[in-house]
Structures are given as structure tokens and as C-alpha cells.
């Protein structure tokens, strides 16, 4: 099996980064702007900077662990290697919430968007068709996915560039060119650190998925060198897109006064800036962006299941299977496709409430794994540099993630703990039946 996987390594650095950025869905900046602008009193770009700092600290920890353990697996593998099989299993189990439910959410969003364009057709039909398309693409060679995501990410980003140009034109026409080149979007009146942290906590969830590229290690050229750079670049590129877009939105809308519904301000933002035609084009771009995120999240979820199947946590004959010609974990891809299609039975709020829990478990675990391995186990704290990279930076990452834990929705915490309890029961069953929790070393 290892030989089949190794022979399929075809992805380069920027192909991996594109998949990661697609997973993050850059156009979410428009969906969350009104909410965060209200929380921060018109300081969305500054809140994005704070969120980016927290994410980059965690990205550094991911990079340290990938260099040490280049095999795919993300937080699951790193925790298992540093803190033991049982801790690794619980982190991997919690992370499955993030990985498996995001494809379902993309299918739900596609159904919502397409229903608005074609109201005469039932939304369940769009969910099934969208899930089938994403599943078919992911069952093919991984390089097809990377090339399609380059197109699907590039088109919305290009439209965002057009949006920025329209903002510059509109502001210049209304207030003169000097009004464009100003720091007001960043320093718009008085700022409150508590409200900024609250806004950053919301925006950190825009970065979910930067870590998903670690699951592509088995299909990446020179993973030990490429994946750490890809993790950091994915977070940095995504953060740059978020910051620039929010800067120009804030420039055009200093407050939420223009919005009838700040919680769903995206349609109003693009309507006021570009008119009705631009709004329609933008909706199509959001659909493309949703497809890109659906492809990337589906691929990452399937590969995490494949890794856990290969390690013996799930039935190996099914989950560890790799198609000999396509080189993809075909059964895992089909399994995630089935979960995506089950979106016809769920509402968006139910699925969304679980994702944040799994992501924060993974972020906390990876930061702690760096401390456990390098600072505690290997005692690499002799020099100032070692203390910085092995203790101070990952501890700072844990504290930043801790701020997000404090702001976690109550329902998400309850449902996440219920899911973890199920995982604990599965782990105890392994012990009672005297089976090894993780079969591979």
C-alpha cells in the first residue's frame, strides 16, 4: 500500500497551497463583514490582523510537526506520535467533525444559492447533483483536483479584484482620490481591545482548513519540505486576501448604518458597490467558490479517513483501499460523498455548530504536541532560540486558541462533547476486545 501511495506523489508547493486556500473559502469575508463590523465598531481589518497572528502561530507548530513526522495525518498523527495512541485517537475523532461536515455544509450552501437562481426546482436536487459532481472529481487523480481548484479559486479572487476597483472608483467619485489612500479602514475611530478579540474570534473560523493540506503529504513531492511551507503560505495567502478585501469594504462602509441586515450584508455590499448585474455575477462567483471549497474539503476528509483506516482505527479493507489506476482512496471518497448527500436531511445551523469544536481541538493539540515533544520529552530548551520555537511560540498559539474556546458557541460545545463521548466509547470497546487501538507504528 505504501508503494502505491508513494508512487502517486505529484503535487507541488503551489498546487497544495491552492487546495488549502480553496478549503478556506476566501469569499467568506463578505459573509462575515457585517457581523464583525458591528462587534468591533468598524475595525474589521484590524480584527483580521489579530486573527491572522493566532493562526500563523498555530501554522508554525504544524510546520514543526510535519518536518518531524512527514506522513499524512494532521493533528491526529502528531498527537499520536507525541502523546500516545489514545490521545491521538481522541484528537482524530474530534477532528473528523471538521473534516467530514464541511463537505456537507458546502452542499447545503450550494443548494441554497442554486435555489435562489432556480426557485422552481427543489433544493434537494441541487444538493445531490453538487455532491455527485464533487465526489466524481475527487475520485479521479489528485492533480485534476489541484488544477480545477486553481481555476475555481482564481475566478472568485479575480472578481474580488474587480470589486476593489469599483470601491476605489466609487470612493474617488464621492470624496476625491485622497479618501482612497487613508488608514481609516484600520484606525477608524476608537478601538476596544475586548471587542477586537471578540471579532478576531469570529474571524479565526474563516481560516479553518489551512491545516487540511497536511493530509495531502502522501501525494505531495518532498512532503517534509513542501508541506510546512504550504501550511504557512496557505494561512498567509488566505489572511492577505481577507485583510485586503475587508480593508476596501470598510473603506466603503465605515459603519453598518447602510445595511438593513448586517448579519447577512453580503448581497447589500455588492449591490451598493456594483449594482444589480454585478450582484448576480457575484452570486455565481460564490457558487464557484463553494465548489472549490467542496472539492478541497472532500479530498481532505477522505484522506483523513484513509489514514485512520490504514492505522487500523476503522476497517482497513474498506478505508485503507487505494484504487490501483486512479491512485485515490476511492472508498473513502465515496463514503464522504454519501455524507454530503445526507445534507438533504439536515439544516445548515446543525452542521455548522459542530465544526468549530473539532477545529479548536486540533489547533490546541498541535500546539501542545510541539511542547510535549521538543520541550518536555527531548528537553530542547538550552538556547534562547530553542526556548522560543519549542515553548514560547506554541504556548502563545495555545493561548490565542484559548481565546477562541472562550467564545465558542454553547451548542457547539455541548454537541462536540457528545461526539467526543461516542469516540471514548469506541476507544473503550477496542480495549475491552483486546484489540490494538492503532495497528501501525
Protein backbone atom coordinates (compact mmCIF):
# COMPACT_ATOMS: atom_id res chain seq x y z
CA UNK A 1 0.00 0.00 0.00
CA UNK A 2 2.82 2.36 0.86
CA UNK A 3 4.41 1.80 -2.51
CA UNK A 4 1.17 2.68 -4.31
CA UNK A 5 0.83 5.87 -2.30
CA UNK A 6 4.44 6.91 -2.74
CA UNK A 7 4.32 6.44 -6.47
CA UNK A 8 1.36 8.83 -6.64
CA UNK A 9 3.22 11.89 -5.28
CA UNK A 10 2.52 14.54 -7.86
CA UNK A 11 1.61 17.79 -6.10
CA UNK A 12 3.96 20.74 -5.92
CA UNK A 13 4.04 23.59 -3.40
CA UNK A 14 1.61 25.97 -5.08
CA UNK A 15 -0.82 23.22 -6.04
CA UNK A 16 -1.05 22.28 -2.35
CA UNK A 17 -1.45 25.94 -1.36
CA UNK A 18 -4.29 26.40 -3.88
CA UNK A 19 -6.13 23.40 -2.41
CA UNK A 20 -5.66 24.89 1.08
CA UNK A 21 -6.90 28.34 0.04
CA UNK A 22 -9.89 26.75 -1.69
CA UNK A 23 -10.71 24.91 1.52
CA UNK A 24 -10.72 28.25 3.40
CA UNK A 25 -13.29 29.80 1.01
CA UNK A 26 -11.86 33.36 0.66
CA UNK A 27 -15.23 34.97 -0.15
CA UNK A 28 -16.46 34.35 3.40
CA UNK A 29 -15.02 37.81 4.11
CA UNK A 30 -18.21 39.24 2.58
CA UNK A 31 -20.49 36.96 4.60
CA UNK A 32 -18.98 37.85 7.99
CA UNK A 33 -18.19 41.53 7.41
CA UNK A 34 -21.44 43.00 8.77
CA UNK A 35 -21.34 40.82 11.89
CA UNK A 36 -17.72 41.61 12.76
CA UNK A 37 -18.04 45.29 11.87
CA UNK A 38 -20.80 45.52 14.46
CA UNK A 39 -18.74 43.67 17.09
CA UNK A 40 -15.59 45.76 16.52
CA UNK A 41 -17.30 49.11 15.84
CA UNK A 42 -15.89 49.34 12.32
CA UNK A 43 -12.45 47.70 12.76
CA UNK A 44 -12.76 44.52 10.68
CA UNK A 45 -9.27 44.75 9.05
CA UNK A 46 -7.63 45.13 12.47
CA UNK A 47 -9.58 42.14 13.79
CA UNK A 48 -8.35 40.12 10.79
CA UNK A 49 -4.77 41.01 11.70
CA UNK A 50 -5.27 39.69 15.23
CA UNK A 51 -6.85 36.51 13.89
CA UNK A 52 -4.01 36.06 11.41
CA UNK A 53 -1.42 36.27 14.20
CA UNK A 54 -3.19 33.48 16.11
CA UNK A 55 -3.43 31.29 13.01
CA UNK A 56 0.19 31.85 11.93
CA UNK A 57 1.42 30.84 15.40
CA UNK A 58 -0.50 27.58 15.04
CA UNK A 59 0.77 27.20 11.46
CA UNK A 60 4.34 27.34 12.78
CA UNK A 61 3.52 24.46 15.12
CA UNK A 62 2.09 22.46 12.22
CA UNK A 63 5.29 23.12 10.29
CA UNK A 64 7.47 21.83 13.14
CA UNK A 65 5.44 18.63 13.39
CA UNK A 66 5.33 18.00 9.62
CA UNK A 67 9.13 18.17 9.43
CA UNK A 68 9.37 15.62 12.23
CA UNK A 69 6.56 13.35 11.01
CA UNK A 70 6.16 13.90 7.24
CA UNK A 71 3.50 11.23 6.78
CA UNK A 72 -0.06 12.46 6.29
CA UNK A 73 -2.47 12.71 9.19
CA UNK A 74 -2.56 16.26 10.53
CA UNK A 75 -3.32 16.75 14.24
CA UNK A 76 -4.26 13.09 14.62
CA UNK A 77 -0.82 11.81 13.60
CA UNK A 78 1.14 14.43 15.54
CA UNK A 79 -0.76 13.83 18.78
CA UNK A 80 -0.49 10.06 18.38
CA UNK A 81 3.27 10.26 17.86
CA UNK A 82 3.92 12.61 20.80
CA UNK A 83 1.20 11.88 23.37
CA UNK A 84 0.26 8.27 22.67
CA UNK A 85 -2.29 6.31 20.66
CA UNK A 86 -5.27 7.08 22.88
CA UNK A 87 -4.74 10.84 22.86
CA UNK A 88 -4.17 10.68 19.11
CA UNK A 89 -7.37 8.77 18.60
CA UNK A 90 -9.45 11.29 20.58
CA UNK A 91 -7.95 14.24 18.65
CA UNK A 92 -8.51 12.46 15.34
CA UNK A 93 -12.07 11.60 16.33
CA UNK A 94 -12.82 15.24 17.23
CA UNK A 95 -11.16 16.45 14.02
CA UNK A 96 -13.49 14.26 11.99
CA UNK A 97 -16.26 16.73 12.83
CA UNK A 98 -14.44 19.48 10.96
CA UNK A 99 -13.31 17.30 8.07
CA UNK A 100 -16.49 15.30 7.44
CA UNK A 101 -19.11 18.01 7.98
CA UNK A 102 -17.57 20.78 5.88
CA UNK A 103 -18.34 18.94 2.59
CA UNK A 104 -21.94 18.65 3.84
CA UNK A 105 -22.06 22.40 4.58
CA UNK A 106 -20.77 23.22 1.10
CA UNK A 107 -23.51 21.00 -0.36
CA UNK A 108 -26.10 22.81 1.76
CA UNK A 109 -24.80 26.22 0.68
CA UNK A 110 -24.82 25.17 -2.97
CA UNK A 111 -28.44 24.12 -2.57
CA UNK A 112 -29.31 27.49 -1.04
CA UNK A 113 -27.54 29.52 -3.74
CA UNK A 114 -28.90 27.47 -6.62
CA UNK A 115 -32.42 27.59 -5.21
CA UNK A 116 -32.22 31.40 -5.33
CA UNK A 117 -31.29 31.19 -9.02
CA UNK A 118 -33.72 28.40 -9.93
CA UNK A 119 -36.59 28.55 -7.40
CA UNK A 120 -38.77 26.21 -9.46
CA UNK A 121 -36.52 23.22 -8.67
CA UNK A 122 -36.29 21.55 -5.22
CA UNK A 123 -33.10 22.23 -3.20
CA UNK A 124 -32.51 18.52 -2.52
CA UNK A 125 -31.90 18.00 -6.25
CA UNK A 126 -29.08 20.57 -6.24
CA UNK A 127 -27.56 19.01 -3.12
CA UNK A 128 -27.48 15.57 -4.76
CA UNK A 129 -26.09 16.88 -8.05
CA UNK A 130 -23.45 19.02 -6.32
CA UNK A 131 -22.33 16.14 -4.08
CA UNK A 132 -22.18 13.75 -7.03
CA UNK A 133 -20.03 16.16 -9.06
CA UNK A 134 -17.61 16.76 -6.18
CA UNK A 135 -17.39 13.02 -5.48
CA UNK A 136 -16.66 12.20 -9.13
CA UNK A 137 -13.88 14.79 -9.38
CA UNK A 138 -12.30 13.62 -6.13
CA UNK A 139 -12.36 10.01 -7.29
CA UNK A 140 -10.05 10.97 -10.13
CA UNK A 141 -6.33 11.72 -9.92
CA UNK A 142 -5.40 14.29 -7.24
CA UNK A 143 -3.71 16.50 -9.83
CA UNK A 144 -7.06 17.04 -11.57
CA UNK A 145 -8.41 18.37 -8.28
CA UNK A 146 -5.46 20.76 -7.89
CA UNK A 147 -5.80 22.11 -11.44
CA UNK A 148 -9.58 22.61 -11.12
CA UNK A 149 -9.15 24.39 -7.79
CA UNK A 150 -6.66 26.76 -9.43
CA UNK A 151 -9.48 27.77 -11.78
CA UNK A 152 -12.21 27.79 -9.12
CA UNK A 153 -10.16 29.88 -6.68
CA UNK A 154 -8.77 32.17 -9.38
CA UNK A 155 -12.19 33.23 -10.73
CA UNK A 156 -13.61 34.50 -7.39
CA UNK A 157 -10.32 36.19 -6.48
CA UNK A 158 -10.38 37.93 -9.87
CA UNK A 159 -13.92 39.11 -9.14
CA UNK A 160 -12.73 40.42 -5.77
CA UNK A 161 -10.11 42.46 -7.65
CA UNK A 162 -12.95 43.93 -9.74
CA UNK A 163 -14.82 44.70 -6.50
CA UNK A 164 -11.78 46.55 -5.12
CA UNK A 165 -11.51 48.57 -8.35
CA UNK A 166 -15.19 49.52 -8.10
CA UNK A 167 -14.70 50.62 -4.48
CA UNK A 168 -11.72 52.80 -5.46
CA UNK A 169 -13.74 54.31 -8.31
CA UNK A 170 -16.78 54.93 -6.10
CA UNK A 171 -14.88 56.46 -3.19
CA UNK A 172 -12.83 58.66 -5.53
CA UNK A 173 -16.00 59.88 -7.21
CA UNK A 174 -17.71 60.66 -3.92
CA UNK A 175 -14.86 62.05 -1.80
CA UNK A 176 -11.83 62.51 -4.06
CA UNK A 177 -8.76 60.35 -4.61
CA UNK A 178 -7.24 61.36 -1.25
CA UNK A 179 -10.06 59.49 0.51
CA UNK A 180 -8.81 56.21 -1.01
CA UNK A 181 -5.25 56.40 0.30
CA UNK A 182 -6.00 56.57 4.02
CA UNK A 183 -5.54 54.47 7.15
CA UNK A 184 -9.14 54.96 8.26
CA UNK A 185 -10.16 51.35 7.49
CA UNK A 186 -7.53 50.23 10.01
CA UNK A 187 -7.82 53.08 12.51
CA UNK A 188 -11.47 54.07 12.19
CA UNK A 189 -12.11 55.96 15.43
CA UNK A 190 -11.58 54.45 18.88
CA UNK A 191 -10.88 50.75 19.19
CA UNK A 192 -11.58 48.46 22.14
CA UNK A 193 -9.25 45.50 22.69
CA UNK A 194 -12.05 43.33 24.11
CA UNK A 195 -14.28 43.90 21.08
CA UNK A 196 -11.32 43.35 18.73
CA UNK A 197 -10.58 39.98 20.35
CA UNK A 198 -14.27 39.09 20.07
CA UNK A 199 -14.22 39.98 16.38
CA UNK A 200 -10.97 38.09 15.83
CA UNK A 201 -12.50 35.00 17.46
CA UNK A 202 -15.30 35.07 14.88
CA UNK A 203 -12.86 35.65 12.02
CA UNK A 204 -10.49 32.87 13.06
CA UNK A 205 -13.08 30.43 11.80
CA UNK A 206 -12.58 31.95 8.34
CA UNK A 207 -9.12 30.32 8.42
CA UNK A 208 -10.40 26.82 9.11
CA UNK A 209 -8.77 24.49 6.61
CA UNK A 210 -5.25 25.92 6.41
CA UNK A 211 -4.15 22.79 8.28
CA UNK A 212 -6.01 20.42 5.95
CA UNK A 213 -3.12 20.38 3.48
CA UNK A 214 -1.18 18.17 5.90
CA UNK A 215 -3.49 15.30 4.90
CA UNK A 216 -2.02 15.52 1.37
CA UNK A 217 1.51 14.57 2.46
CA UNK A 218 1.30 11.13 0.84
CA UNK A 219 0.53 12.74 -2.53
CA UNK A 220 2.99 15.65 -2.32
CA UNK A 221 6.50 15.81 -3.73
CA UNK A 222 9.14 16.14 -0.95
CA UNK A 223 6.47 16.41 1.78
CA UNK A 224 8.94 17.08 4.61
CA UNK A 225 9.95 20.35 2.93
CA UNK A 226 6.84 21.23 0.92
CA UNK A 227 4.02 20.72 3.44
CA UNK A 228 5.38 23.01 6.23
CA UNK A 229 5.80 25.81 3.70
CA UNK A 230 2.36 25.10 2.24
CA UNK A 231 0.68 25.27 5.67
CA UNK A 232 2.23 28.65 6.45
CA UNK A 233 1.67 30.03 2.94
CA UNK A 234 -1.96 28.89 2.91
CA UNK A 235 -2.64 30.79 6.14
CA UNK A 236 -0.65 33.81 4.93
CA UNK A 237 -2.22 33.98 1.45
CA UNK A 238 -5.71 33.45 2.85
CA UNK A 239 -5.07 36.10 5.52
CA UNK A 240 -3.83 38.57 2.90
CA UNK A 241 -6.97 38.06 0.80
CA UNK A 242 -9.19 38.53 3.85
CA UNK A 243 -7.32 41.64 5.02
CA UNK A 244 -7.24 43.40 1.64
CA UNK A 245 -10.90 42.67 0.89
CA UNK A 246 -12.03 43.78 4.35
CA UNK A 247 -9.92 46.95 4.05
CA UNK A 248 -11.78 48.12 0.96
CA UNK A 249 -15.19 47.02 2.24
CA UNK A 250 -14.51 49.00 5.44
CA UNK A 251 -13.37 51.95 3.33
CA UNK A 252 -16.74 51.99 1.52
CA UNK A 253 -18.81 51.12 4.61
CA UNK A 254 -17.19 52.70 7.72
CA UNK A 255 -20.17 51.55 9.82
CA UNK A 256 -23.15 49.21 9.46
CA UNK A 257 -25.57 52.13 9.00
CA UNK A 258 -26.13 51.34 5.30
CA UNK A 259 -27.16 47.70 5.91
CA UNK A 260 -30.75 46.62 6.50
CA UNK A 261 -29.50 43.27 7.83
CA UNK A 262 -25.83 43.41 8.99
CA UNK A 263 -25.82 39.67 9.73
CA UNK A 264 -26.43 38.97 6.01
CA UNK A 265 -24.77 42.04 4.50
CA UNK A 266 -23.08 40.37 1.52
CA UNK A 267 -25.89 40.97 -1.04
CA UNK A 268 -26.19 44.60 0.04
CA UNK A 269 -22.41 45.16 -0.10
CA UNK A 270 -22.07 44.05 -3.72
CA UNK A 271 -25.36 45.73 -4.73
CA UNK A 272 -24.33 49.16 -3.39
CA UNK A 273 -20.82 48.91 -4.84
CA UNK A 274 -21.52 47.38 -8.26
CA UNK A 275 -25.26 47.38 -8.95
CA UNK A 276 -27.75 44.59 -9.70
CA UNK A 277 -25.80 43.00 -12.57
CA UNK A 278 -22.61 42.81 -10.52
CA UNK A 279 -24.62 41.31 -7.66
CA UNK A 280 -25.82 38.50 -9.95
CA UNK A 281 -22.30 37.82 -11.21
CA UNK A 282 -21.04 37.81 -7.64
CA UNK A 283 -23.59 35.16 -6.69
CA UNK A 284 -22.27 32.95 -9.46
CA UNK A 285 -18.73 33.52 -8.15
CA UNK A 286 -19.85 32.45 -4.68
CA UNK A 287 -21.15 29.23 -6.21
CA UNK A 288 -17.77 28.66 -7.84
CA UNK A 289 -16.05 29.38 -4.53
CA UNK A 290 -18.37 26.91 -2.79
CA UNK A 291 -17.48 24.26 -5.38
CA UNK A 292 -13.76 24.89 -4.77
CA UNK A 293 -14.22 24.55 -1.02
CA UNK A 294 -16.35 21.45 -1.52
CA UNK A 295 -13.64 19.79 -3.64
CA UNK A 296 -10.84 20.60 -1.18
CA UNK A 297 -12.75 19.67 1.98
CA UNK A 298 -13.99 16.43 0.39
CA UNK A 299 -10.42 15.48 -0.56
CA UNK A 300 -9.05 16.19 2.93
CA UNK A 301 -11.86 14.34 4.70
CA UNK A 302 -11.44 11.26 2.50
CA UNK A 303 -7.69 11.20 3.13
CA UNK A 304 -8.03 11.54 6.91
CA UNK A 305 -10.42 8.56 6.91
CA UNK A 306 -7.95 6.67 4.70
CA UNK A 307 -5.11 7.37 7.17
CA UNK A 308 -7.18 6.24 10.16
CA UNK A 309 -8.23 3.15 8.23
CA UNK A 310 -4.60 2.43 7.38
CA UNK A 311 -3.78 2.71 11.08
CA UNK A 312 -6.44 0.17 11.98
CA UNK A 313 -8.88 2.50 13.74
CA UNK A 314 -11.52 1.91 11.07
CA UNK A 315 -11.94 -1.30 8.98
CA UNK A 316 -8.81 -1.42 6.86
CA UNK A 317 -10.21 -3.41 3.92
CA UNK A 318 -12.59 -0.54 3.18
CA UNK A 319 -10.92 2.66 4.41
CA UNK A 320 -7.30 1.85 3.50
CA UNK A 321 -8.12 0.88 -0.09
CA UNK A 322 -6.38 2.87 -2.84
CA UNK A 323 -7.58 2.48 -6.44
CA UNK A 324 -4.66 1.00 -8.42
CA UNK A 325 -5.20 3.17 -11.50
CA UNK A 326 -6.60 6.42 -10.13
CA UNK A 327 -4.35 6.49 -7.05
CA UNK A 328 -7.19 7.86 -4.90
CA UNK A 329 -8.69 6.37 -1.68
CA UNK A 330 -11.81 5.60 -3.68
CA UNK A 331 -13.99 4.02 -0.97
CA UNK A 332 -13.27 6.91 1.41
CA UNK A 333 -14.15 9.40 -1.34
CA UNK A 334 -17.47 7.61 -1.93
CA UNK A 335 -18.13 7.47 1.81
CA UNK A 336 -17.70 11.25 2.17
CA UNK A 337 -19.89 11.70 -0.90
CA UNK A 338 -22.66 9.80 0.87
CA UNK A 339 -22.31 12.02 3.94
CA UNK A 340 -22.52 15.12 1.71
CA UNK A 341 -25.73 13.85 0.12
CA UNK A 342 -27.24 13.33 3.58
CA UNK A 343 -27.34 17.15 3.75
CA UNK A 344 -30.88 16.85 2.32
CA UNK A 345 -31.97 15.76 5.82
CA UNK A 346 -30.16 18.47 7.82
CA UNK A 347 -30.24 22.22 8.34
CA UNK A 348 -27.23 24.47 7.97
CA UNK A 349 -27.21 25.52 11.63
CA UNK A 350 -26.96 21.93 12.88
CA UNK A 351 -23.91 21.12 10.76
CA UNK A 352 -22.12 24.43 11.36
CA UNK A 353 -22.42 24.19 15.14
CA UNK A 354 -20.15 21.13 15.25
CA UNK A 355 -17.29 22.25 13.00
CA UNK A 356 -15.68 24.80 15.30
CA UNK A 357 -15.31 22.28 18.13
CA UNK A 358 -13.27 19.82 16.08
CA UNK A 359 -11.05 22.54 14.62
CA UNK A 360 -10.17 24.03 18.02
CA UNK A 361 -9.35 20.58 19.40
CA UNK A 362 -6.91 20.08 16.50
CA UNK A 363 -5.29 23.52 16.87
CA UNK A 364 -4.80 23.08 20.62
CA UNK A 365 -3.43 19.55 20.21
CA UNK A 366 -0.82 20.51 17.60
CA UNK A 367 0.50 23.43 19.64
CA UNK A 368 0.71 21.19 22.70
CA UNK A 369 2.40 18.43 20.69
CA UNK A 370 5.31 20.76 19.89
CA UNK A 371 5.76 21.50 23.61
CA UNK A 372 5.37 17.83 24.59
CA UNK A 373 7.91 16.57 22.04
CA UNK A 374 10.59 19.24 21.92
CA UNK A 375 10.38 20.94 25.33
CA UNK A 376 9.27 18.12 27.64
CA UNK A 377 10.41 14.86 26.04
CA UNK A 378 13.57 15.96 24.19
CA UNK A 379 14.34 18.84 26.63
CA UNK A 380 15.47 21.14 23.83
CA UNK A 381 15.43 24.36 25.85
CA UNK A 382 19.14 25.12 26.16
CA UNK A 383 19.36 28.21 23.95
CA UNK A 384 17.12 31.24 23.60
CA UNK A 385 16.13 30.14 20.08
CA UNK A 386 15.12 26.68 21.30
CA UNK A 387 13.04 28.16 24.11
CA UNK A 388 11.36 30.46 21.59
CA UNK A 389 10.40 27.85 18.97
CA UNK A 390 9.84 24.88 21.32
CA UNK A 391 7.98 26.58 24.16
CA UNK A 392 7.11 30.28 23.82
CA UNK A 393 5.61 30.30 20.30
CA UNK A 394 3.48 27.14 20.68
CA UNK A 395 2.37 28.32 24.14
CA UNK A 396 1.36 31.66 22.60
CA UNK A 397 -0.56 29.70 19.95
CA UNK A 398 -2.39 27.75 22.67
CA UNK A 399 -3.30 30.98 24.48
CA UNK A 400 -4.66 32.51 21.26
CA UNK A 401 -6.72 29.38 20.60
CA UNK A 402 -7.85 29.54 24.24
CA UNK A 403 -9.40 32.92 23.46
CA UNK A 404 -11.43 31.22 20.75
CA UNK A 405 -12.51 28.47 23.14
CA UNK A 406 -13.94 31.13 25.46
CA UNK A 407 -16.03 32.50 22.57
CA UNK A 408 -17.21 29.07 21.38
CA UNK A 409 -20.97 28.72 20.96
CA UNK A 410 -22.64 26.82 23.80
CA UNK A 411 -24.47 24.43 21.47
CA UNK A 412 -21.22 23.65 19.65
CA UNK A 413 -19.54 22.79 22.96
CA UNK A 414 -22.40 20.50 24.04
CA UNK A 415 -22.64 18.68 20.70
CA UNK A 416 -18.85 18.41 20.48
CA UNK A 417 -18.62 16.85 23.93
CA UNK A 418 -21.37 14.39 22.97
CA UNK A 419 -19.39 13.41 19.85
CA UNK A 420 -16.24 13.01 21.98
CA UNK A 421 -18.14 10.75 24.38
CA UNK A 422 -19.07 8.49 21.46
CA UNK A 423 -15.40 8.39 20.48
CA UNK A 424 -14.41 7.50 24.03
CA UNK A 425 -16.88 4.61 23.92
CA UNK A 426 -15.36 3.40 20.63
CA UNK A 427 -11.89 3.52 22.18
CA UNK A 428 -13.01 1.58 25.27
CA UNK A 429 -14.53 -1.05 23.00
CA UNK A 430 -11.13 -1.58 21.42
CA UNK A 431 -9.58 -2.08 24.84
CA UNK A 432 -12.30 -4.44 26.07
CA UNK A 433 -11.95 -6.59 22.96
CA UNK A 434 -8.15 -6.54 23.49
CA UNK A 435 -7.53 -5.06 20.05
CA UNK A 436 -4.78 -2.56 19.38
CA UNK A 437 -6.16 0.95 19.01
CA UNK A 438 -3.56 1.81 16.38
CA UNK A 439 -2.01 -1.05 14.46
CA UNK A 440 0.71 0.77 12.52
CA UNK A 441 3.79 2.28 14.11
